[in-house]
Protein backbone atom coordinates (compact mmCIF):
# COMPACT_ATOMS: atom_id res chain seq x y z
CA MET A 1 172.09 109.97 42.42
CA LYS A 2 170.16 106.95 43.65
CA TYR A 3 168.91 104.78 40.79
CA TYR A 4 166.23 102.08 40.76
CA VAL A 5 165.03 99.75 38.01
CA VAL A 6 161.51 98.44 38.59
CA ASP A 7 159.65 95.85 36.51
CA VAL A 8 156.13 97.27 36.21
CA PHE A 9 152.71 95.71 35.50
CA THR A 10 153.94 92.31 36.59
CA ALA A 11 154.33 90.24 39.73
CA GLU A 12 157.43 88.52 38.25
CA ARG A 13 160.89 89.90 37.58
CA PHE A 14 161.94 89.91 33.91
CA LYS A 15 158.30 90.44 32.90
CA GLY A 16 156.30 93.62 32.42
CA ASN A 17 158.05 96.88 31.52
CA PRO A 18 161.31 97.94 33.22
CA ALA A 19 161.46 101.59 34.27
CA GLY A 20 164.55 103.48 35.39
CA ILE A 21 163.98 105.82 38.36
CA CYS A 22 166.54 108.56 39.16
CA VAL A 23 166.14 110.40 42.47
CA LEU A 24 167.54 113.96 42.36
CA ASP A 25 168.16 116.65 44.95
CA SER A 26 167.35 119.30 42.32
CA TRP A 27 166.62 119.35 38.61
CA LEU A 28 169.45 118.75 36.17
CA GLU A 29 169.85 120.31 32.74
CA THR A 30 167.47 118.70 30.26
CA SER A 31 170.38 117.64 28.05
CA LEU A 32 172.00 115.78 30.95
CA MET A 33 168.79 113.95 31.83
CA GLN A 34 168.44 113.02 28.17
CA ASN A 35 171.99 111.64 28.14
CA ILE A 36 171.30 109.59 31.26
CA ALA A 37 168.14 108.14 29.68
CA PHE A 38 170.10 107.26 26.53
CA GLU A 39 172.83 105.62 28.62
CA ASN A 40 170.27 103.64 30.62
CA GLY A 41 168.81 102.26 27.39
CA LEU A 42 165.33 101.56 28.83
CA ALA A 43 162.04 102.51 27.23
CA GLU A 44 161.65 105.24 29.88
CA THR A 45 163.76 106.79 32.61
CA ALA A 46 161.94 108.89 35.22
CA PHE A 47 163.48 111.70 37.26
CA LEU A 48 162.11 112.68 40.69
CA VAL A 49 162.62 115.78 42.84
CA GLY A 50 160.71 116.19 46.09
CA ALA A 51 159.83 114.91 49.56
CA ASN A 52 156.92 114.39 51.96
CA GLY A 53 154.79 112.58 49.42
CA LYS A 54 154.97 115.29 46.72
CA TYR A 55 157.41 115.06 43.84
CA GLY A 56 158.12 116.66 40.51
CA LEU A 57 158.30 114.00 37.80
CA LYS A 58 159.81 113.99 34.30
CA TRP A 59 160.12 111.12 31.80
CA PHE A 60 162.66 110.54 29.04
CA THR A 61 162.97 107.87 26.37
CA PRO A 62 166.46 107.39 24.94
CA GLU A 63 165.43 109.93 22.26
CA GLN A 64 163.18 112.57 23.83
CA GLU A 65 161.29 113.91 26.84
CA MET A 66 157.71 112.58 27.04
CA ASP A 67 154.50 114.30 28.11
CA LEU A 68 153.28 111.21 30.00
CA CYS A 69 154.53 107.72 30.87
CA GLY A 70 152.37 105.37 32.89
CA HIS A 71 154.73 102.53 33.72
CA ALA A 72 157.52 104.87 34.86
CA THR A 73 154.98 106.74 37.01
CA LEU A 74 153.99 103.51 38.72
CA GLY A 75 157.67 102.55 39.01
CA SER A 76 158.42 105.93 40.59
CA ALA A 77 155.60 105.42 43.10
CA TYR A 78 156.99 101.98 43.89
CA ALA A 79 160.42 103.50 44.65
CA VAL A 80 158.92 106.24 46.82
CA LEU A 81 156.50 104.02 48.76
CA ASN A 82 158.97 101.19 49.35
CA TYR A 83 162.36 102.92 49.72
CA LEU A 84 162.19 106.72 49.98
CA GLU A 85 159.11 107.10 52.22
CA PRO A 86 157.87 103.63 53.10
CA LYS A 87 155.43 104.88 55.74
CA LEU A 88 153.30 106.57 53.07
CA ARG A 89 150.34 104.93 51.35
CA SER A 90 150.10 107.37 48.43
CA VAL A 91 152.19 109.86 46.48
CA GLU A 92 151.41 112.90 44.35
CA PHE A 93 153.42 113.82 41.23
CA ASP A 94 153.53 117.19 39.46
CA SER A 95 154.24 116.61 35.75
CA ASN A 96 153.82 117.93 32.21
CA SER A 97 150.43 116.16 32.27
CA GLY A 98 149.33 117.88 35.48
CA LYS A 99 148.82 116.25 38.88
CA LEU A 100 149.14 112.46 38.95
CA PHE A 101 148.35 110.28 41.95
CA VAL A 102 149.35 106.76 42.93
CA GLU A 103 148.17 104.83 45.97
CA ARG A 104 149.20 101.44 47.30
CA GLU A 105 146.47 98.83 47.71
CA GLY A 106 148.05 95.76 49.26
CA ASP A 107 150.59 94.48 46.76
CA GLU A 108 149.17 96.59 43.93
CA TYR A 109 149.62 100.22 42.89
CA LEU A 110 146.73 102.26 41.51
CA MET A 111 147.43 105.30 39.33
CA ASP A 112 145.08 108.23 38.70
CA LEU A 113 145.88 109.70 35.25
CA PRO A 114 144.15 111.98 32.71
CA SER A 115 141.76 110.35 30.23
CA ARG A 116 142.56 110.79 26.52
CA MET A 117 139.56 109.64 24.51
CA PRO A 118 140.67 109.30 20.88
CA VAL A 119 138.78 110.67 17.85
CA ARG A 120 137.89 108.40 14.94
CA ILE A 121 139.87 109.00 11.73
CA GLU A 122 140.09 107.43 8.29
CA ILE A 123 142.22 104.29 8.11
CA PRO A 124 145.58 105.26 6.56
CA PRO A 125 145.96 103.12 3.40
CA VAL A 126 149.44 101.94 4.39
CA LEU A 127 148.45 100.83 7.90
CA PRO A 128 147.02 97.34 7.16
CA ARG A 129 150.14 96.51 5.13
CA ALA A 130 152.39 97.93 7.87
CA LEU A 131 150.71 95.78 10.54
CA GLY A 132 150.18 92.71 8.35
CA VAL A 133 146.53 92.43 9.43
CA ASN A 134 143.09 93.75 8.52
CA VAL A 135 142.29 97.00 10.35
CA LEU A 136 138.65 97.65 11.27
CA GLU A 137 138.91 101.22 12.63
CA THR A 138 141.51 103.84 13.49
CA TRP A 139 141.32 106.48 16.20
CA GLN A 140 143.75 109.27 17.18
CA SER A 141 144.76 110.94 20.42
CA ARG A 142 148.45 111.32 21.23
CA ASP A 143 148.77 107.79 19.80
CA MET A 144 147.07 106.20 16.81
CA LEU A 145 144.76 103.35 17.85
CA ALA A 146 144.03 100.54 15.38
CA LEU A 147 141.19 98.10 16.10
CA VAL A 148 141.68 94.59 14.68
CA GLU A 149 139.44 91.55 14.63
CA SER A 150 140.82 89.29 17.35
CA GLU A 151 143.32 88.72 20.13
CA GLU A 152 145.16 86.30 17.85
CA ASP A 153 145.57 89.08 15.28
CA VAL A 154 147.16 91.27 17.96
CA ARG A 155 149.38 88.44 19.18
CA ASN A 156 150.56 87.42 15.69
CA LEU A 157 151.17 90.84 14.10
CA ASN A 158 153.79 90.92 11.36
CA VAL A 159 154.84 94.55 11.70
CA ASN A 160 156.81 96.36 9.00
CA LEU A 161 158.47 99.20 10.92
CA ASN A 162 159.64 100.96 7.74
CA LEU A 163 156.05 101.21 6.50
CA LEU A 164 154.91 102.49 9.90
CA LYS A 165 157.54 105.22 9.67
CA GLU A 166 155.73 106.55 6.60
CA LEU A 167 152.98 107.63 9.02
CA GLY A 168 155.46 109.59 11.13
CA GLU A 169 158.75 108.25 12.41
CA LEU A 170 158.05 109.14 16.03
CA ASN A 171 154.32 108.45 15.92
CA ASN A 172 152.99 105.85 18.36
CA PHE A 173 150.69 103.01 17.32
CA ILE A 174 148.33 101.01 19.56
CA VAL A 175 146.88 97.81 18.11
CA THR A 176 143.96 96.43 20.11
CA ALA A 177 141.15 93.86 20.14
CA ARG A 178 138.77 92.20 22.59
CA GLY A 179 140.49 89.73 24.89
CA SER A 180 139.71 86.08 25.49
CA ASP A 181 140.49 85.99 29.23
CA CYS A 182 140.40 89.76 29.83
CA ASP A 183 138.35 92.64 28.45
CA PHE A 184 140.86 93.86 25.88
CA VAL A 185 144.42 93.31 24.70
CA SER A 186 146.92 95.54 22.95
CA ARG A 187 150.44 96.03 21.65
CA PHE A 188 152.29 99.34 21.28
CA PHE A 189 154.82 100.39 18.63
CA THR A 190 157.05 103.44 18.10
CA PRO A 191 158.89 102.62 14.87
CA GLY A 192 161.52 105.38 15.12
CA ALA A 193 162.52 104.64 18.73
CA THR A 194 165.47 102.68 20.09
CA ILE A 195 162.95 100.18 21.50
CA PRO A 196 160.31 99.94 18.72
CA GLU A 197 157.83 97.84 20.73
CA ASP A 198 157.10 98.92 24.29
CA PRO A 199 156.50 95.94 26.62
CA VAL A 200 153.60 97.44 28.62
CA THR A 201 152.39 101.00 28.06
CA GLY A 202 150.45 102.70 30.83
CA SER A 203 149.92 105.96 28.92
CA ALA A 204 148.34 104.10 25.98
CA HIS A 205 145.63 102.95 28.39
CA CYS A 206 144.66 106.58 28.95
CA SER A 207 143.09 106.19 25.48
CA LEU A 208 142.31 102.47 25.55
CA ILE A 209 140.25 102.68 28.75
CA PRO A 210 137.70 105.30 27.58
CA TYR A 211 137.58 103.68 24.14
CA TRP A 212 136.80 100.18 25.44
CA SER A 213 134.58 101.48 28.24
CA LYS A 214 132.29 102.99 25.59
CA ILE A 215 132.28 99.81 23.48
CA LEU A 216 131.86 97.35 26.36
CA ARG A 217 129.54 99.61 28.38
CA LYS A 218 131.44 99.00 31.58
CA THR A 219 133.76 101.08 33.74
CA ASP A 220 135.85 98.37 35.41
CA MET A 221 137.98 96.27 33.07
CA THR A 222 141.06 94.10 32.89
CA ALA A 223 143.65 94.34 30.14
CA LYS A 224 146.77 92.59 28.90
CA GLN A 225 149.60 93.81 26.70
CA LEU A 226 150.80 90.96 24.49
CA SER A 227 154.45 91.86 24.05
CA LYS A 228 157.19 89.27 24.54
CA ARG A 229 157.54 90.30 28.21
CA GLY A 230 153.80 90.80 28.66
CA GLY A 231 151.89 92.57 31.40
CA SER A 232 148.50 92.88 33.08
CA LEU A 233 146.54 95.98 34.06
CA ARG A 234 143.43 96.68 36.11
CA CYS A 235 141.48 99.54 34.56
CA ARG A 236 138.66 101.90 35.51
CA ASP A 237 137.04 104.67 33.47
CA CYS A 238 136.29 107.70 35.67
CA GLY A 239 135.15 110.21 33.05
CA ASP A 240 137.91 112.77 32.64
CA ARG A 241 140.34 110.52 34.56
CA VAL A 242 141.35 106.88 34.35
CA ARG A 243 142.65 104.58 37.07
CA ILE A 244 145.25 101.98 36.16
CA GLY A 245 146.41 99.35 38.63
CA GLY A 246 149.24 96.88 38.51
CA HIS A 247 151.97 95.09 40.39
CA ALA A 248 155.69 95.88 40.36
CA ARG A 249 158.95 94.23 41.39
CA ILE A 250 162.35 95.76 42.14
CA TYR A 251 165.19 94.61 39.90
CA LEU A 252 168.08 96.95 40.68
CA ILE A 253 169.15 99.52 43.25
CA GLY A 254 172.34 101.44 42.52
CA GLU A 255 173.95 104.83 41.98
CA ILE A 256 174.63 106.92 38.90
CA PHE A 257 177.68 109.21 38.75
CA VAL A 258 177.67 112.22 36.43
C-alpha cells in the first residue's frame, strides 16, 4: 500500500503532529490495521479507501482504534488533494464520527468536524497534583478539559503520568488557558499511550473551540498547542460543527508490505 507521513498544523517539517496515511484498495482486517499502526509508531495512523473525492476513513493509535482524529484527517486530506487527486479542492470522509469535510484554501486546509461541547464536572482531587499546577475548572466530553490560570502554567506543566492514570489509564486530558499571542493555548496527554503527550490534537479542539467561544464571546479564534513540536490552528465555532484550519508538509512517501 502507498504510505505517506505528513507533518500537520505546521508550515515547517519536524514541527506539528506527524500523521501516517495508508491508502488501501479495500479494507483490511482490524487486527492488521492495528498492527500496522503499532509498527508505524506514530500518534495516529489513518487508513483510506475510496476515490472521486469520497473516502472511508479510520484512525488507529498504536494501542486502539479511535472515534475521531483531527490531525490525521487533515493529513489524509493533504495526501488526497496533493497526490491522489490533485485537481480536487475538497474531500469528503465517511468515518465513525459521521461525515467530515476538508477543503483547501491556498496553502491551508480547513476541516469541518462535529462540535463536542464539554460539561462541567467537579475537579478530581488528584488532578492538581498530577498536573503540578492549580486547576480552576474541569469539564468532560470525550476528553477531560482542565482550565488553568495562564499560558505559562500550560507551558511549564510538571505532569505525573502515574497520578493521571488513577483517573483512567486511557483517559485523555486537555490542559488549557488564555493565550498571550493567540486566543487560547493547550496541551494534551494520554498517560497510558505509547506517546503520552500528543504534539497537536485536532479532535481536542472539537471541545476547546465551543468552550472558548462561549468564554471569549467570539466565533473566530486562533490557538496554539504548546508541546515540544508545537502547532498552530485557526478555529471557528459553527454551532453543532467546528472548523479547524492549519498548514501541513509532506515528510515521507513510501510503501508498506504486509
